[in-house]
PDB file of N, CA and C in Angstrom:
ATOM      1  N   MET A   1       0.823  -1.229  -0.134  1.00  0.00           N
ATOM      2  CA  MET A   1      -0.001   0.159  -0.162  1.00  0.00           C
ATOM      3  C   MET A   1       0.653   1.246  -0.090  1.00  0.00           C
ATOM      4  N   ILE A   2       0.470   2.311  -0.806  1.00  0.00           N
ATOM      5  CA  ILE A   2       1.465   3.459  -0.818  1.00  0.00           C
ATOM      6  C   ILE A   2       0.587   4.268   0.090  1.00  0.00           C
ATOM      7  N   ALA A   3       1.965   5.132   1.079  1.00  0.00           N
ATOM      8  CA  ALA A   3       1.488   5.590   2.217  1.00  0.00           C
ATOM      9  C   ALA A   3       1.240   7.288   1.698  1.00  0.00           C
ATOM     10  N   LYS A   4       0.699   8.105   2.555  1.00  0.00           N
ATOM     11  CA  LYS A   4       0.702   9.531   2.024  1.00  0.00           C
ATOM     12  C   LYS A   4       2.054  10.318   1.905  1.00  0.00           C
ATOM     13  N   THR A   5       2.869   9.757   3.017  1.00  0.00           N
ATOM     14  CA  THR A   5       4.385  10.287   2.905  1.00  0.00           C
ATOM     15  C   THR A   5       5.075   9.815   1.917  1.00  0.00           C
ATOM     16  N   ASP A   6       4.728   8.740   1.143  1.00  0.00           N
ATOM     17  CA  ASP A   6       5.158   8.342  -0.073  1.00  0.00           C
ATOM     18  C   ASP A   6       5.316   9.609  -1.167  1.00  0.00           C
ATOM     19  N   VAL A   7       3.825   9.613  -1.352  1.00  0.00           N
ATOM     20  CA  VAL A   7       3.350  10.751  -2.222  1.00  0.00           C
ATOM     21  C   VAL A   7       3.997  11.955  -2.023  1.00  0.00           C
ATOM     22  N   SER A   8       3.993  12.573  -0.758  1.00  0.00           N
ATOM     23  CA  SER A   8       4.591  13.829  -0.330  1.00  0.00           C
ATOM     24  C   SER A   8       6.080  13.619  -0.627  1.00  0.00           C
ATOM     25  N   ASN A   9       6.782  12.653  -0.396  1.00  0.00           N
ATOM     26  CA  ASN A   9       8.446  12.681  -0.467  1.00  0.00           C
ATOM     27  C   ASN A   9       8.468  12.608  -2.177  1.00  0.00           C
ATOM     28  N   CYS A  10       7.644  12.017  -3.087  1.00  0.00           N
ATOM     29  CA  CYS A  10       7.759  11.987  -4.266  1.00  0.00           C
ATOM     30  C   CYS A  10       7.782  13.407  -4.950  1.00  0.00           C
ATOM     31  N   ARG A  11       6.595  13.882  -4.363  1.00  0.00           N
ATOM     32  CA  ARG A  11       6.212  15.477  -4.815  1.00  0.00           C
ATOM     33  C   ARG A  11       7.290  16.425  -4.651  1.00  0.00           C
ATOM     34  N   ASP A  12       7.772  16.134  -3.333  1.00  0.00           N
ATOM     35  CA  ASP A  12       9.115  16.965  -3.002  1.00  0.00           C
ATOM     36  C   ASP A  12      10.184  16.974  -3.883  1.00  0.00           C
ATOM     37  N   THR A  13      10.604  15.456  -4.171  1.00  0.00           N
ATOM     38  CA  THR A  13      11.846  15.332  -4.946  1.00  0.00           C
ATOM     39  C   THR A  13      11.707  16.087  -6.339  1.00  0.00           C
ATOM     40  N   LEU A  14      10.609  15.780  -7.003  1.00  0.00           N
ATOM     41  CA  LEU A  14      10.350  16.618  -8.158  1.00  0.00           C
ATOM     42  C   LEU A  14      10.212  17.854  -8.179  1.00  0.00           C
ATOM     43  N   SER A  15       9.551  18.500  -7.075  1.00  0.00           N
ATOM     44  CA  SER A  15       9.670  19.890  -6.867  1.00  0.00           C
ATOM     45  C   SER A  15      10.975  20.650  -6.895  1.00  0.00           C
ATOM     46  N   ASN A  16      11.983  19.879  -6.796  1.00  0.00           N
ATOM     47  CA  ASN A  16      13.416  20.329  -6.631  1.00  0.00           C
ATOM     48  C   ASN A  16      14.014  20.370  -8.148  1.00  0.00           C
ATOM     49  N   HIS A  17      13.128  20.009  -9.139  1.00  0.00           N
ATOM     50  CA  HIS A  17      13.829  19.717 -10.393  1.00  0.00           C
ATOM     51  C   HIS A  17      12.850  20.614 -11.554  1.00  0.00           C
ATOM     52  N   ILE A  18      11.979  21.476 -10.968  1.00  0.00           N
ATOM     53  CA  ILE A  18      11.066  22.168 -11.838  1.00  0.00           C
ATOM     54  C   ILE A  18      11.868  23.270 -12.896  1.00  0.00           C
ATOM     55  N   GLY A  19      11.702  23.043 -14.073  1.00  0.00           N
ATOM     56  CA  GLY A  19      12.459  23.713 -15.087  1.00  0.00           C
ATOM     57  C   GLY A  19      13.559  22.970 -15.531  1.00  0.00           C
ATOM     58  N   ASP A  20      13.709  21.641 -14.974  1.00  0.00           N
ATOM     59  CA  ASP A  20      14.844  20.936 -15.428  1.00  0.00           C
ATOM     60  C   ASP A  20      14.342  20.063 -16.472  1.00  0.00           C
ATOM     61  N   ARG A  21      15.387  19.557 -17.650  1.00  0.00           N
ATOM     62  CA  ARG A  21      15.059  18.526 -18.563  1.00  0.00           C
ATOM     63  C   ARG A  21      14.698  17.264 -17.865  1.00  0.00           C
ATOM     64  N   ILE A  22      14.006  16.513 -18.335  1.00  0.00           N
ATOM     65  CA  ILE A  22      13.317  15.362 -17.737  1.00  0.00           C
ATOM     66  C   ILE A  22      12.758  14.379 -18.962  1.00  0.00           C
ATOM     67  N   TYR A  23      12.919  13.276 -18.629  1.00  0.00           N
ATOM     68  CA  TYR A  23      12.637  11.946 -19.764  1.00  0.00           C
ATOM     69  C   TYR A  23      11.854  11.040 -18.755  1.00  0.00           C
ATOM     70  N   LEU A  24      10.467  10.668 -19.307  1.00  0.00           N
ATOM     71  CA  LEU A  24       9.547   9.857 -18.922  1.00  0.00           C
ATOM     72  C   LEU A  24       9.363   8.599 -19.686  1.00  0.00           C
ATOM     73  N   ARG A  25       9.326   7.376 -19.141  1.00  0.00           N
ATOM     74  CA  ARG A  25       8.780   6.553 -19.970  1.00  0.00           C
ATOM     75  C   ARG A  25       7.388   5.839 -19.396  1.00  0.00           C
ATOM     76  N   SER A  26       6.532   5.588 -20.185  1.00  0.00           N
ATOM     77  CA  SER A  26       5.354   5.267 -19.703  1.00  0.00           C
ATOM     78  C   SER A  26       4.794   4.007 -20.821  1.00  0.00           C
ATOM     79  N   ASN A  27       3.742   3.240 -20.187  1.00  0.00           N
ATOM     80  CA  ASN A  27       3.011   2.325 -21.173  1.00  0.00           C
ATOM     81  C   ASN A  27       2.208   2.862 -21.894  1.00  0.00           C
ATOM     82  N   GLY A  28       2.148   2.880 -23.107  1.00  0.00           N
ATOM     83  CA  GLY A  28       1.454   3.308 -24.191  1.00  0.00           C
ATOM     84  C   GLY A  28       0.438   2.381 -24.770  1.00  0.00           C
ATOM     85  N   GLY A  29       0.347   1.208 -23.955  1.00  0.00           N
ATOM     86  CA  GLY A  29      -0.937   0.393 -24.261  1.00  0.00           C
ATOM     87  C   GLY A  29      -0.323  -0.623 -25.340  1.00  0.00           C
ATOM     88  N   ARG A  30      -0.961  -1.878 -25.248  1.00  0.00           N
ATOM     89  CA  ARG A  30      -0.766  -2.822 -26.208  1.00  0.00           C
ATOM     90  C   ARG A  30       0.953  -3.144 -26.611  1.00  0.00           C
ATOM     91  N   ARG A  31       1.401  -3.381 -25.535  1.00  0.00           N
ATOM     92  CA  ARG A  31       2.889  -3.538 -25.575  1.00  0.00           C
ATOM     93  C   ARG A  31       3.912  -2.411 -26.040  1.00  0.00           C
ATOM     94  N   ARG A  32       3.346  -1.193 -26.161  1.00  0.00           N
ATOM     95  CA  ARG A  32       4.124  -0.168 -26.608  1.00  0.00           C
ATOM     96  C   ARG A  32       4.463   0.825 -25.348  1.00  0.00           C
ATOM     97  N   THR A  33       5.660   1.253 -25.772  1.00  0.00           N
ATOM     98  CA  THR A  33       6.328   2.189 -24.605  1.00  0.00           C
ATOM     99  C   THR A  33       6.409   3.330 -25.296  1.00  0.00           C
ATOM    100  N   VAL A  34       6.184   4.368 -24.502  1.00  0.00           N
ATOM    101  CA  VAL A  34       6.244   5.617 -24.913  1.00  0.00           C
ATOM    102  C   VAL A  34       7.344   6.688 -24.194  1.00  0.00           C
ATOM    103  N   VAL A  35       7.952   7.200 -24.968  1.00  0.00           N
ATOM    104  CA  VAL A  35       9.145   7.945 -24.011  1.00  0.00           C
ATOM    105  C   VAL A  35       8.712   9.405 -24.679  1.00  0.00           C
ATOM    106  N   HIS A  36       8.816  10.202 -23.370  1.00  0.00           N
ATOM    107  CA  HIS A  36       8.457  11.789 -23.521  1.00  0.00           C
ATOM    108  C   HIS A  36       9.748  12.485 -22.976  1.00  0.00           C
ATOM    109  N   GLU A  37      10.150  13.536 -23.660  1.00  0.00           N
ATOM    110  CA  GLU A  37      11.246  14.202 -23.052  1.00  0.00           C
ATOM    111  C   GLU A  37      10.868  15.878 -23.098  1.00  0.00           C
ATOM    112  N   GLY A  38      11.055  16.392 -22.246  1.00  0.00           N
ATOM    113  CA  GLY A  38      10.730  17.884 -21.997  1.00  0.00           C
ATOM    114  C   GLY A  38      11.148  18.348 -20.681  1.00  0.00           C
ATOM    115  N   TYR A  39      10.475  19.417 -20.323  1.00  0.00           N
ATOM    116  CA  TYR A  39      11.026  20.137 -19.303  1.00  0.00           C
ATOM    117  C   TYR A  39       9.632  20.129 -18.002  1.00  0.00           C
ATOM    118  N   LEU A  40      10.518  19.678 -16.776  1.00  0.00           N
ATOM    119  CA  LEU A  40       9.129  19.684 -15.872  1.00  0.00           C
ATOM    120  C   LEU A  40       8.652  20.971 -15.423  1.00  0.00           C
ATOM    121  N   GLU A  41       7.368  21.043 -15.782  1.00  0.00           N
ATOM    122  CA  GLU A  41       6.740  22.893 -15.577  1.00  0.00           C
ATOM    123  C   GLU A  41       6.261  22.788 -14.121  1.00  0.00           C
ATOM    124  N   SER A  42       5.490  21.867 -13.574  1.00  0.00           N
ATOM    125  CA  SER A  42       4.843  22.174 -12.295  1.00  0.00           C
ATOM    126  C   SER A  42       4.789  20.906 -11.648  1.00  0.00           C
ATOM    127  N   CYS A  43       4.356  20.946 -10.373  1.00  0.00           N
ATOM    128  CA  CYS A  43       3.982  20.073  -9.121  1.00  0.00           C
ATOM    129  C   CYS A  43       2.925  20.576  -8.465  1.00  0.00           C
ATOM    130  N   SER A  44       1.567  19.873  -9.079  1.00  0.00           N
ATOM    131  CA  SER A  44       0.361  20.097  -7.969  1.00  0.00           C
ATOM    132  C   SER A  44       0.456  19.183  -7.002  1.00  0.00           C
ATOM    133  N   PRO A  45      -0.534  19.344  -6.284  1.00  0.00           N
ATOM    134  CA  PRO A  45      -0.603  18.319  -4.753  1.00  0.00           C
ATOM    135  C   PRO A  45      -0.692  16.915  -5.211  1.00  0.00           C
ATOM    136  N   ASN A  46      -1.407  16.486  -6.431  1.00  0.00           N
ATOM    137  CA  ASN A  46      -1.571  15.234  -6.889  1.00  0.00           C
ATOM    138  C   ASN A  46      -0.934  14.919  -8.244  1.00  0.00           C
ATOM    139  N   VAL A  47      -0.490  15.667  -9.027  1.00  0.00           N
ATOM    140  CA  VAL A  47      -0.200  15.520 -10.515  1.00  0.00           C
ATOM    141  C   VAL A  47       1.022  16.315 -10.810  1.00  0.00           C
ATOM    142  N   PHE A  48       1.868  15.979 -11.612  1.00  0.00           N
ATOM    143  CA  PHE A  48       2.985  16.727 -12.253  1.00  0.00           C
ATOM    144  C   PHE A  48       2.902  17.034 -13.634  1.00  0.00           C
ATOM    145  N   THR A  49       3.137  18.122 -14.257  1.00  0.00           N
ATOM    146  CA  THR A  49       3.116  18.327 -15.705  1.00  0.00           C
ATOM    147  C   THR A  49       4.568  18.483 -16.342  1.00  0.00           C
ATOM    148  N   VAL A  50       4.557  18.046 -17.373  1.00  0.00           N
ATOM    149  CA  VAL A  50       5.885  18.111 -18.360  1.00  0.00           C
ATOM    150  C   VAL A  50       5.669  18.713 -19.588  1.00  0.00           C
ATOM    151  N   ARG A  51       6.290  19.596 -20.120  1.00  0.00           N
ATOM    152  CA  ARG A  51       5.960  20.372 -21.510  1.00  0.00           C
ATOM    153  C   ARG A  51       7.011  19.922 -22.144  1.00  0.00           C
ATOM    154  N   CYS A  52       6.795  19.032 -23.412  1.00  0.00           N
ATOM    155  CA  CYS A  52       7.392  18.547 -24.299  1.00  0.00           C
ATOM    156  C   CYS A  52       7.223  19.413 -25.803  1.00  0.00           C
ATOM    157  N   PRO A  53       8.549  20.011 -25.804  1.00  0.00           N
ATOM    158  CA  PRO A  53       8.405  20.647 -27.169  1.00  0.00           C
ATOM    159  C   PRO A  53       8.347  19.930 -28.505  1.00  0.00           C
ATOM    160  N   VAL A  54       7.370  20.129 -29.311  1.00  0.00           N
ATOM    161  CA  VAL A  54       7.165  19.141 -30.462  1.00  0.00           C
ATOM    162  C   VAL A  54       7.705  19.633 -31.797  1.00  0.00           C
ATOM    163  N   SER A  55       7.562  21.098 -31.651  1.00  0.00           N
ATOM    164  CA  SER A  55       8.107  21.916 -33.041  1.00  0.00           C
ATOM    165  C   SER A  55       8.009  23.428 -32.319  1.00  0.00           C
ATOM    166  N   THR A  56       8.779  24.150 -33.224  1.00  0.00           N
ATOM    167  CA  THR A  56       8.942  25.752 -32.558  1.00  0.00           C
ATOM    168  C   THR A  56       7.540  26.417 -32.266  1.00  0.00           C
ATOM    169  N   ASN A  57       6.342  25.908 -32.900  1.00  0.00           N
ATOM    170  CA  ASN A  57       5.316  26.786 -32.684  1.00  0.00           C
ATOM    171  C   ASN A  57       4.254  25.715 -31.895  1.00  0.00           C
ATOM    172  N   TYR A  58       4.644  24.691 -31.435  1.00  0.00           N
ATOM    173  CA  TYR A  58       3.660  23.791 -30.570  1.00  0.00           C
ATOM    174  C   TYR A  58       4.276  22.958 -29.432  1.00  0.00           C
ATOM    175  N   ASP A  59       3.830  23.229 -28.378  1.00  0.00           N
ATOM    176  CA  ASP A  59       4.382  22.159 -27.060  1.00  0.00           C
ATOM    177  C   ASP A  59       3.331  21.260 -26.647  1.00  0.00           C
ATOM    178  N   GLU A  60       3.584  20.299 -26.338  1.00  0.00           N
ATOM    179  CA  GLU A  60       2.661  18.912 -25.983  1.00  0.00           C
ATOM    180  C   GLU A  60       2.781  19.209 -24.412  1.00  0.00           C
ATOM    181  N   HIS A  61       1.904  18.806 -23.561  1.00  0.00           N
ATOM    182  CA  HIS A  61       2.007  19.005 -22.302  1.00  0.00           C
ATOM    183  C   HIS A  61       1.360  17.604 -21.793  1.00  0.00           C
ATOM    184  N   VAL A  62       1.964  17.027 -20.943  1.00  0.00           N
ATOM    185  CA  VAL A  62       1.806  15.528 -20.409  1.00  0.00           C
ATOM    186  C   VAL A  62       1.620  15.587 -18.962  1.00  0.00           C
ATOM    187  N   CYS A  63       0.545  14.805 -18.166  1.00  0.00           N
ATOM    188  CA  CYS A  63       0.368  15.059 -16.716  1.00  0.00           C
ATOM    189  C   CYS A  63       0.438  13.412 -16.288  1.00  0.00           C
ATOM    190  N   PHE A  64       1.130  13.161 -15.192  1.00  0.00           N
ATOM    191  CA  PHE A  64       1.122  11.850 -14.505  1.00  0.00           C
ATOM    192  C   PHE A  64       0.989  12.146 -12.985  1.00  0.00           C
ATOM    193  N   SER A  65       0.448  11.369 -12.361  1.00  0.00           N
ATOM    194  CA  SER A  65       0.088  11.449 -10.955  1.00  0.00           C
ATOM    195  C   SER A  65       1.313  10.771 -10.289  1.00  0.00           C
ATOM    196  N   TYR A  66       1.948  10.928  -9.197  1.00  0.00           N
ATOM    197  CA  TYR A  66       2.784  10.704  -8.259  1.00  0.00           C
ATOM    198  C   TYR A  66       2.673   9.050  -8.182  1.00  0.00           C
ATOM    199  N   VAL A  67       1.462   8.645  -7.929  1.00  0.00           N
ATOM    200  CA  VAL A  67       0.907   7.145  -7.708  1.00  0.00           C
ATOM    201  C   VAL A  67       1.653   6.381  -8.954  1.00  0.00           C
ATOM    202  N   ASP A  68       1.457   6.785 -10.029  1.00  0.00           N
ATOM    203  CA  ASP A  68       2.231   6.378 -11.344  1.00  0.00           C
ATOM    204  C   ASP A  68       3.609   6.017 -11.170  1.00  0.00           C
ATOM    205  N   VAL A  69       4.304   7.073 -10.481  1.00  0.00           N
ATOM    206  CA  VAL A  69       5.726   7.033 -10.581  1.00  0.00           C
ATOM    207  C   VAL A  69       5.964   5.848  -9.323  1.00  0.00           C
ATOM    208  N   LEU A  70       5.180   5.915  -8.329  1.00  0.00           N
ATOM    209  CA  LEU A  70       5.223   4.954  -7.185  1.00  0.00           C
ATOM    210  C   LEU A  70       5.038   3.521  -7.593  1.00  0.00           C
ATOM    211  N   THR A  71       4.154   3.301  -8.167  1.00  0.00           N
ATOM    212  CA  THR A  71       3.636   2.038  -8.811  1.00  0.00           C
ATOM    213  C   THR A  71       4.575   1.421  -9.815  1.00  0.00           C
ATOM    214  N   GLY A  72       5.255   2.212 -10.590  1.00  0.00           N
ATOM    215  CA  GLY A  72       6.213   1.824 -11.675  1.00  0.00           C
ATOM    216  C   GLY A  72       5.563   2.144 -13.179  1.00  0.00           C
ATOM    217  N   VAL A  73       4.475   2.459 -13.153  1.00  0.00           N
ATOM    218  CA  VAL A  73       3.915   2.924 -14.408  1.00  0.00           C
ATOM    219  C   VAL A  73       4.406   3.937 -15.150  1.00  0.00           C
ATOM    220  N   VAL A  74       5.028   4.759 -14.593  1.00  0.00           N
ATOM    221  CA  VAL A  74       5.787   5.835 -15.134  1.00  0.00           C
ATOM    222  C   VAL A  74       7.231   5.905 -14.617  1.00  0.00           C
ATOM    223  N   GLU A  75       8.440   5.659 -15.489  1.00  0.00           N
ATOM    224  CA  GLU A  75       9.735   5.781 -14.940  1.00  0.00           C
ATOM    225  C   GLU A  75      10.248   7.184 -15.290  1.00  0.00           C
ATOM    226  N   ILE A  76      10.915   7.847 -14.321  1.00  0.00           N
ATOM    227  CA  ILE A  76      11.763   9.134 -14.505  1.00  0.00           C
ATOM    228  C   ILE A  76      13.065   9.093 -14.723  1.00  0.00           C
ATOM    229  N   ALA A  77      13.762   9.810 -15.572  1.00  0.00           N
ATOM    230  CA  ALA A  77      15.055   9.741 -15.735  1.00  0.00           C
ATOM    231  C   ALA A  77      15.424  11.391 -15.710  1.00  0.00           C
ATOM    232  N   LEU A  78      16.454  11.888 -14.908  1.00  0.00           N
ATOM    233  CA  LEU A  78      16.772  13.145 -15.074  1.00  0.00           C
ATOM    234  C   LEU A  78      18.059  13.493 -16.182  1.00  0.00           C
ATOM    235  N   ASN A  79      18.349  12.599 -16.579  1.00  0.00           N
ATOM    236  CA  ASN A  79      19.537  12.604 -17.755  1.00  0.00           C
ATOM    237  C   ASN A  79      19.435  11.600 -19.002  1.00  0.00           C
ATOM    238  N   ALA A  80      20.290  11.615 -20.035  1.00  0.00           N
ATOM    239  CA  ALA A  80      20.150  10.575 -20.987  1.00  0.00           C
ATOM    240  C   ALA A  80      20.978   9.358 -20.537  1.00  0.00           C
ATOM    241  N   ASP A  81      21.673   9.255 -19.576  1.00  0.00           N
ATOM    242  CA  ASP A  81      22.322   8.117 -19.186  1.00  0.00           C
ATOM    243  C   ASP A  81      21.385   7.392 -18.282  1.00  0.00           C
ATOM    244  N   GLU A  82      20.598   7.933 -17.581  1.00  0.00           N
ATOM    245  CA  GLU A  82      19.473   7.222 -16.741  1.00  0.00           C
ATOM    246  C   GLU A  82      18.407   6.834 -17.650  1.00  0.00           C
ATOM    247  N   LEU A  83      18.188   7.312 -18.711  1.00  0.00           N
ATOM    248  CA  LEU A  83      17.127   6.954 -19.780  1.00  0.00           C
ATOM    249  C   LEU A  83      17.642   5.944 -20.515  1.00  0.00           C
ATOM    250  N   ASP A  84      18.952   5.989 -20.699  1.00  0.00           N
ATOM    251  CA  ASP A  84      19.631   4.327 -21.466  1.00  0.00           C
ATOM    252  C   ASP A  84      19.330   3.317 -20.401  1.00  0.00           C
ATOM    253  N   GLU A  85      19.586   3.324 -19.103  1.00  0.00           N
ATOM    254  CA  GLU A  85      19.410   2.288 -18.167  1.00  0.00           C
ATOM    255  C   GLU A  85      17.937   1.774 -18.055  1.00  0.00           C
ATOM    256  N   ILE A  86      16.953   2.623 -18.171  1.00  0.00           N
ATOM    257  CA  ILE A  86      15.676   2.371 -18.112  1.00  0.00           C
ATOM    258  C   ILE A  86      15.261   1.579 -19.261  1.00  0.00           C
ATOM    259  N   LEU A  87      15.810   2.138 -20.609  1.00  0.00           N
ATOM    260  CA  LEU A  87      15.423   1.561 -21.761  1.00  0.00           C
ATOM    261  C   LEU A  87      15.925   0.027 -22.046  1.00  0.00           C
ATOM    262  N   GLU A  88      17.248  -0.085 -21.442  1.00  0.00           N
ATOM    263  CA  GLU A  88      17.910  -1.405 -21.555  1.00  0.00           C
ATOM    264  C   GLU A  88      16.956  -2.518 -20.604  1.00  0.00           C
ATOM    265  N   GLU A  89      16.626  -1.933 -19.646  1.00  0.00           N
ATOM    266  CA  GLU A  89      15.530  -2.824 -18.841  1.00  0.00           C
ATOM    267  C   GLU A  89      14.537  -3.346 -19.411  1.00  0.00           C
ATOM    268  N   ASP A  90      13.958  -2.573 -20.556  1.00  0.00           N
ATOM    269  CA  ASP A  90      12.839  -2.866 -21.247  1.00  0.00           C
ATOM    270  C   ASP A  90      13.114  -4.252 -22.221  1.00  0.00           C
ATOM    271  N   GLU A  91      14.239  -4.130 -22.623  1.00  0.00           N
ATOM    272  CA  GLU A  91      14.731  -5.272 -23.661  1.00  0.00           C
ATOM    273  C   GLU A  91      15.082  -6.440 -23.274  1.00  0.00           C
TER     274      GLU A  91
END
């Protein structure tokens, strides 16, 4: 069971990285993995938002809950080396 303090710790950890480049790997359904690359934009009480630049005129925003991170549905990497490690686990 996930404790309230676990969610709080996750939120506090991510709050320290607002504005930083972040990589996310999530389940896209049907055995598909989606990797998002962007900037941590905000940390609300229950979700965090990542701004992913798609082109010069368009930014995609994705939101995930801290519970997704704690349960492993979403994996976070703060640099490309950590992302490579996460992607190697998938193979």
